Amino acid sequence: MTVGIVVVSHSRALADAAVELARQMLPGRELAVAVAAGTEDGGLGTDAAAVADAIGQADSGEGVVVLMDLGSAVLSAETALEFLDDDVRSRVTLSAAPLVEGLVGAVVVAASGASRQSVAAEADRGLAPKQAHLSS
């Protein structure tokens, strides 16, 4: 069992593209990555109930790291925690990492069997390579 990943975005297309990019780092390996993005009618927005459902889909018992794009995605993820049982909630980490860079790092580390804390820490380091390159 591995840590699952949830992507929360206002845009289904953005979330799906980010997941597709991240999965390129996992040739031949499977990892639970669930998406809660956009509205039911295909518009832009977030939904706390959809986030809670995605957490349930991604959780194999090892926990879940949730990455969010901006603004109300964070609020929806926080609200989703209130919908979860205490035992599930205790296994969820909401990450402040950048969505794309954090997701790529998180899936690689999660697929290796790392802990939820290690996956979240790798996601948080997502901007470091770009920052280091541009500051030189």
C-alpha atoms as a PDB file:
ATOM      1  CA  MET A   1       0.000   0.000   0.000  1.00  0.00           C
ATOM      2  CA  THR A   2       1.140   3.504  -0.780  1.00  0.00           C
ATOM      3  CA  VAL A   3       0.145   7.025   0.154  1.00  0.00           C
ATOM      4  CA  GLY A   4      -2.562   8.355  -2.159  1.00  0.00           C
ATOM      5  CA  ILE A   5      -2.621  11.757  -3.812  1.00  0.00           C
ATOM      6  CA  VAL A   6      -5.600  14.060  -4.386  1.00  0.00           C
ATOM      7  CA  VAL A   7      -5.521  16.993  -6.784  1.00  0.00           C
ATOM      8  CA  VAL A   8      -8.019  19.780  -6.106  1.00  0.00           C
ATOM      9  CA  SER A   9      -8.386  22.345  -8.866  1.00  0.00           C
ATOM     10  CA  HIS A  10     -10.903  24.794 -10.212  1.00  0.00           C
ATOM     11  CA  SER A  11     -10.355  23.300 -13.656  1.00  0.00           C
ATOM     12  CA  ARG A  12     -10.831  19.631 -14.574  1.00  0.00           C
ATOM     13  CA  ALA A  13      -8.628  20.117 -17.645  1.00  0.00           C
ATOM     14  CA  LEU A  14      -5.807  21.602 -15.553  1.00  0.00           C
ATOM     15  CA  ALA A  15      -6.022  18.827 -12.962  1.00  0.00           C
ATOM     16  CA  ASP A  16      -6.127  16.061 -15.552  1.00  0.00           C
ATOM     17  CA  ALA A  17      -3.142  17.536 -17.409  1.00  0.00           C
ATOM     18  CA  ALA A  18      -1.122  17.849 -14.191  1.00  0.00           C
ATOM     19  CA  VAL A  19      -1.906  14.227 -13.296  1.00  0.00           C
ATOM     20  CA  GLU A  20      -0.977  13.070 -16.807  1.00  0.00           C
ATOM     21  CA  LEU A  21       2.362  14.889 -16.536  1.00  0.00           C
ATOM     22  CA  ALA A  22       3.067  13.441 -13.089  1.00  0.00           C
ATOM     23  CA  ARG A  23       2.180   9.900 -14.196  1.00  0.00           C
ATOM     24  CA  GLN A  24       4.912  10.174 -16.854  1.00  0.00           C
ATOM     25  CA  MET A  25       7.347   9.865 -13.941  1.00  0.00           C
ATOM     26  CA  LEU A  26       5.888   6.439 -13.052  1.00  0.00           C
ATOM     27  CA  PRO A  27       6.300   4.236 -16.126  1.00  0.00           C
ATOM     28  CA  GLY A  28       4.770   0.863 -15.402  1.00  0.00           C
ATOM     29  CA  ARG A  29       3.823   1.724 -11.821  1.00  0.00           C
ATOM     30  CA  GLU A  30       0.399   2.391 -10.386  1.00  0.00           C
ATOM     31  CA  LEU A  31      -0.458   4.971  -7.764  1.00  0.00           C
ATOM     32  CA  ALA A  32      -3.819   6.141  -6.451  1.00  0.00           C
ATOM     33  CA  VAL A  33      -4.235   9.708  -7.706  1.00  0.00           C
ATOM     34  CA  ALA A  34      -7.755  11.101  -7.475  1.00  0.00           C
ATOM     35  CA  VAL A  35      -9.022  14.383  -8.876  1.00  0.00           C
ATOM     36  CA  ALA A  36     -11.671  16.728  -7.489  1.00  0.00           C
ATOM     37  CA  ALA A  37     -11.910  19.526 -10.019  1.00  0.00           C
ATOM     38  CA  GLY A  38     -14.409  21.781 -11.701  1.00  0.00           C
ATOM     39  CA  THR A  39     -18.157  21.721 -11.353  1.00  0.00           C
ATOM     40  CA  GLU A  40     -20.581  18.969 -12.313  1.00  0.00           C
ATOM     41  CA  ASP A  41     -21.618  20.927 -15.416  1.00  0.00           C
ATOM     42  CA  GLY A  42     -18.028  21.272 -16.624  1.00  0.00           C
ATOM     43  CA  GLY A  43     -17.471  24.790 -15.326  1.00  0.00           C
ATOM     44  CA  LEU A  44     -14.774  26.184 -13.087  1.00  0.00           C
ATOM     45  CA  GLY A  45     -15.057  25.707  -9.347  1.00  0.00           C
ATOM     46  CA  THR A  46     -14.424  23.409  -6.425  1.00  0.00           C
ATOM     47  CA  ASP A  47     -16.689  21.244  -4.292  1.00  0.00           C
ATOM     48  CA  ALA A  48     -15.884  20.075  -0.752  1.00  0.00           C
ATOM     49  CA  ALA A  49     -18.017  16.945  -1.116  1.00  0.00           C
ATOM     50  CA  ALA A  50     -16.100  15.982  -4.269  1.00  0.00           C
ATOM     51  CA  VAL A  51     -12.834  16.513  -2.396  1.00  0.00           C
ATOM     52  CA  ALA A  52     -14.014  14.243   0.427  1.00  0.00           C
ATOM     53  CA  ASP A  53     -14.993  11.582  -2.129  1.00  0.00           C
ATOM     54  CA  ALA A  54     -11.593  11.862  -3.835  1.00  0.00           C
ATOM     55  CA  ILE A  55      -9.835  11.426  -0.497  1.00  0.00           C
ATOM     56  CA  GLY A  56     -11.838   8.254   0.062  1.00  0.00           C
ATOM     57  CA  GLN A  57     -10.878   6.975  -3.400  1.00  0.00           C
ATOM     58  CA  ALA A  58      -7.170   7.663  -2.903  1.00  0.00           C
ATOM     59  CA  ASP A  59      -6.823   6.372   0.662  1.00  0.00           C
ATOM     60  CA  SER A  60      -5.540   2.814   0.911  1.00  0.00           C
ATOM     61  CA  GLY A  61      -4.980   3.156   4.646  1.00  0.00           C
ATOM     62  CA  GLU A  62      -1.536   4.752   4.364  1.00  0.00           C
ATOM     63  CA  GLY A  63      -2.923   8.281   4.116  1.00  0.00           C
ATOM     64  CA  VAL A  64      -3.421  10.944   1.495  1.00  0.00           C
ATOM     65  CA  VAL A  65      -1.613  14.124   0.489  1.00  0.00           C
ATOM     66  CA  VAL A  66      -3.915  16.758  -1.004  1.00  0.00           C
ATOM     67  CA  LEU A  67      -2.538  19.346  -3.421  1.00  0.00           C
ATOM     68  CA  MET A  68      -4.633  22.374  -4.359  1.00  0.00           C
ATOM     69  CA  ASP A  69      -4.402  25.057  -7.017  1.00  0.00           C
ATOM     70  CA  LEU A  70      -5.552  28.267  -5.300  1.00  0.00           C
ATOM     71  CA  GLY A  71      -8.069  30.182  -3.229  1.00  0.00           C
ATOM     72  CA  SER A  72     -11.307  28.319  -2.727  1.00  0.00           C
ATOM     73  CA  ALA A  73      -9.662  24.991  -3.546  1.00  0.00           C
ATOM     74  CA  VAL A  74      -7.907  25.350  -0.196  1.00  0.00           C
ATOM     75  CA  LEU A  75     -11.187  26.226   1.512  1.00  0.00           C
ATOM     76  CA  SER A  76     -12.945  23.268  -0.136  1.00  0.00           C
ATOM     77  CA  ALA A  77     -10.191  20.905   0.991  1.00  0.00           C
ATOM     78  CA  GLU A  78     -10.378  22.229   4.542  1.00  0.00           C
ATOM     79  CA  THR A  79     -14.157  21.834   4.539  1.00  0.00           C
ATOM     80  CA  ALA A  80     -13.850  18.314   3.116  1.00  0.00           C
ATOM     81  CA  LEU A  81     -11.930  17.284   6.213  1.00  0.00           C
ATOM     82  CA  GLU A  82     -15.046  17.995   8.264  1.00  0.00           C
ATOM     83  CA  PHE A  83     -16.954  15.395   6.205  1.00  0.00           C
ATOM     84  CA  LEU A  84     -14.470  12.609   7.003  1.00  0.00           C
ATOM     85  CA  ASP A  85     -14.404  10.188   9.897  1.00  0.00           C
ATOM     86  CA  ASP A  86     -11.757  11.001  12.500  1.00  0.00           C
ATOM     87  CA  ASP A  87      -9.545   8.051  11.535  1.00  0.00           C
ATOM     88  CA  VAL A  88      -9.507   9.072   7.858  1.00  0.00           C
ATOM     89  CA  ARG A  89      -9.025  12.766   8.709  1.00  0.00           C
ATOM     90  CA  SER A  90      -5.961  11.876  10.791  1.00  0.00           C
ATOM     91  CA  ARG A  91      -4.329  10.362   7.687  1.00  0.00           C
ATOM     92  CA  VAL A  92      -4.782  13.439   5.453  1.00  0.00           C
ATOM     93  CA  THR A  93      -2.204  16.156   4.863  1.00  0.00           C
ATOM     94  CA  LEU A  94      -3.187  19.347   3.058  1.00  0.00           C
ATOM     95  CA  SER A  95      -0.113  20.565   1.223  1.00  0.00           C
ATOM     96  CA  ALA A  96       0.757  24.190   0.483  1.00  0.00           C
ATOM     97  CA  ALA A  97       3.012  22.980  -2.326  1.00  0.00           C
ATOM     98  CA  PRO A  98       2.767  24.360  -5.874  1.00  0.00           C
ATOM     99  CA  LEU A  99       0.304  22.161  -7.731  1.00  0.00           C
ATOM    100  CA  VAL A 100       2.305  20.937 -10.725  1.00  0.00           C
ATOM    101  CA  GLU A 101       5.820  20.852  -9.282  1.00  0.00           C
ATOM    102  CA  GLY A 102       4.583  19.484  -5.974  1.00  0.00           C
ATOM    103  CA  LEU A 103       2.500  16.816  -7.667  1.00  0.00           C
ATOM    104  CA  VAL A 104       5.397  15.537  -9.771  1.00  0.00           C
ATOM    105  CA  GLY A 105       7.627  15.171  -6.728  1.00  0.00           C
ATOM    106  CA  ALA A 106       4.867  13.711  -4.583  1.00  0.00           C
ATOM    107  CA  VAL A 107       3.935  10.923  -6.998  1.00  0.00           C
ATOM    108  CA  VAL A 108       7.547   9.796  -7.385  1.00  0.00           C
ATOM    109  CA  VAL A 109       8.111   9.615  -3.636  1.00  0.00           C
ATOM    110  CA  ALA A 110       4.692   8.073  -2.935  1.00  0.00           C
ATOM    111  CA  ALA A 111       5.256   5.370  -5.560  1.00  0.00           C
ATOM    112  CA  SER A 112       8.470   4.399  -3.767  1.00  0.00           C
ATOM    113  CA  GLY A 113       6.444   3.540  -0.659  1.00  0.00           C
ATOM    114  CA  ALA A 114       7.441   6.569   1.410  1.00  0.00           C
ATOM    115  CA  SER A 115       5.440   7.821   4.382  1.00  0.00           C
ATOM    116  CA  ARG A 116       2.767  10.499   4.106  1.00  0.00           C
ATOM    117  CA  GLN A 117       5.093  12.943   5.849  1.00  0.00           C
ATOM    118  CA  SER A 118       7.864  12.247   3.319  1.00  0.00           C
ATOM    119  CA  VAL A 119       5.483  12.607   0.384  1.00  0.00           C
ATOM    120  CA  ALA A 120       4.202  15.936   1.735  1.00  0.00           C
ATOM    121  CA  ALA A 121       7.756  17.155   2.375  1.00  0.00           C
ATOM    122  CA  GLU A 122       8.782  16.323  -1.197  1.00  0.00           C
ATOM    123  CA  ALA A 123       5.742  18.170  -2.546  1.00  0.00           C
ATOM    124  CA  ASP A 124       6.688  21.196  -0.449  1.00  0.00           C
ATOM    125  CA  ARG A 125      10.148  21.226  -2.056  1.00  0.00           C
ATOM    126  CA  GLY A 126       8.553  21.458  -5.500  1.00  0.00           C
ATOM    127  CA  LEU A 127       9.672  24.989  -6.272  1.00  0.00           C
ATOM    128  CA  ALA A 128      13.237  24.630  -4.989  1.00  0.00           C
ATOM    129  CA  PRO A 129      14.870  23.529  -8.275  1.00  0.00           C
ATOM    130  CA  LYS A 130      13.254  26.360 -10.236  1.00  0.00           C
ATOM    131  CA  GLN A 131      14.122  28.895  -7.550  1.00  0.00           C
ATOM    132  CA  ALA A 132      17.727  27.739  -7.408  1.00  0.00           C
ATOM    133  CA  HIS A 133      18.088  27.866 -11.172  1.00  0.00           C
ATOM    134  CA  LEU A 134      16.575  31.322 -11.549  1.00  0.00           C
ATOM    135  CA  SER A 135      18.473  32.843  -8.649  1.00  0.00           C
ATOM    136  CA  SER A 136      21.870  31.964 -10.117  1.00  0.00           C
END
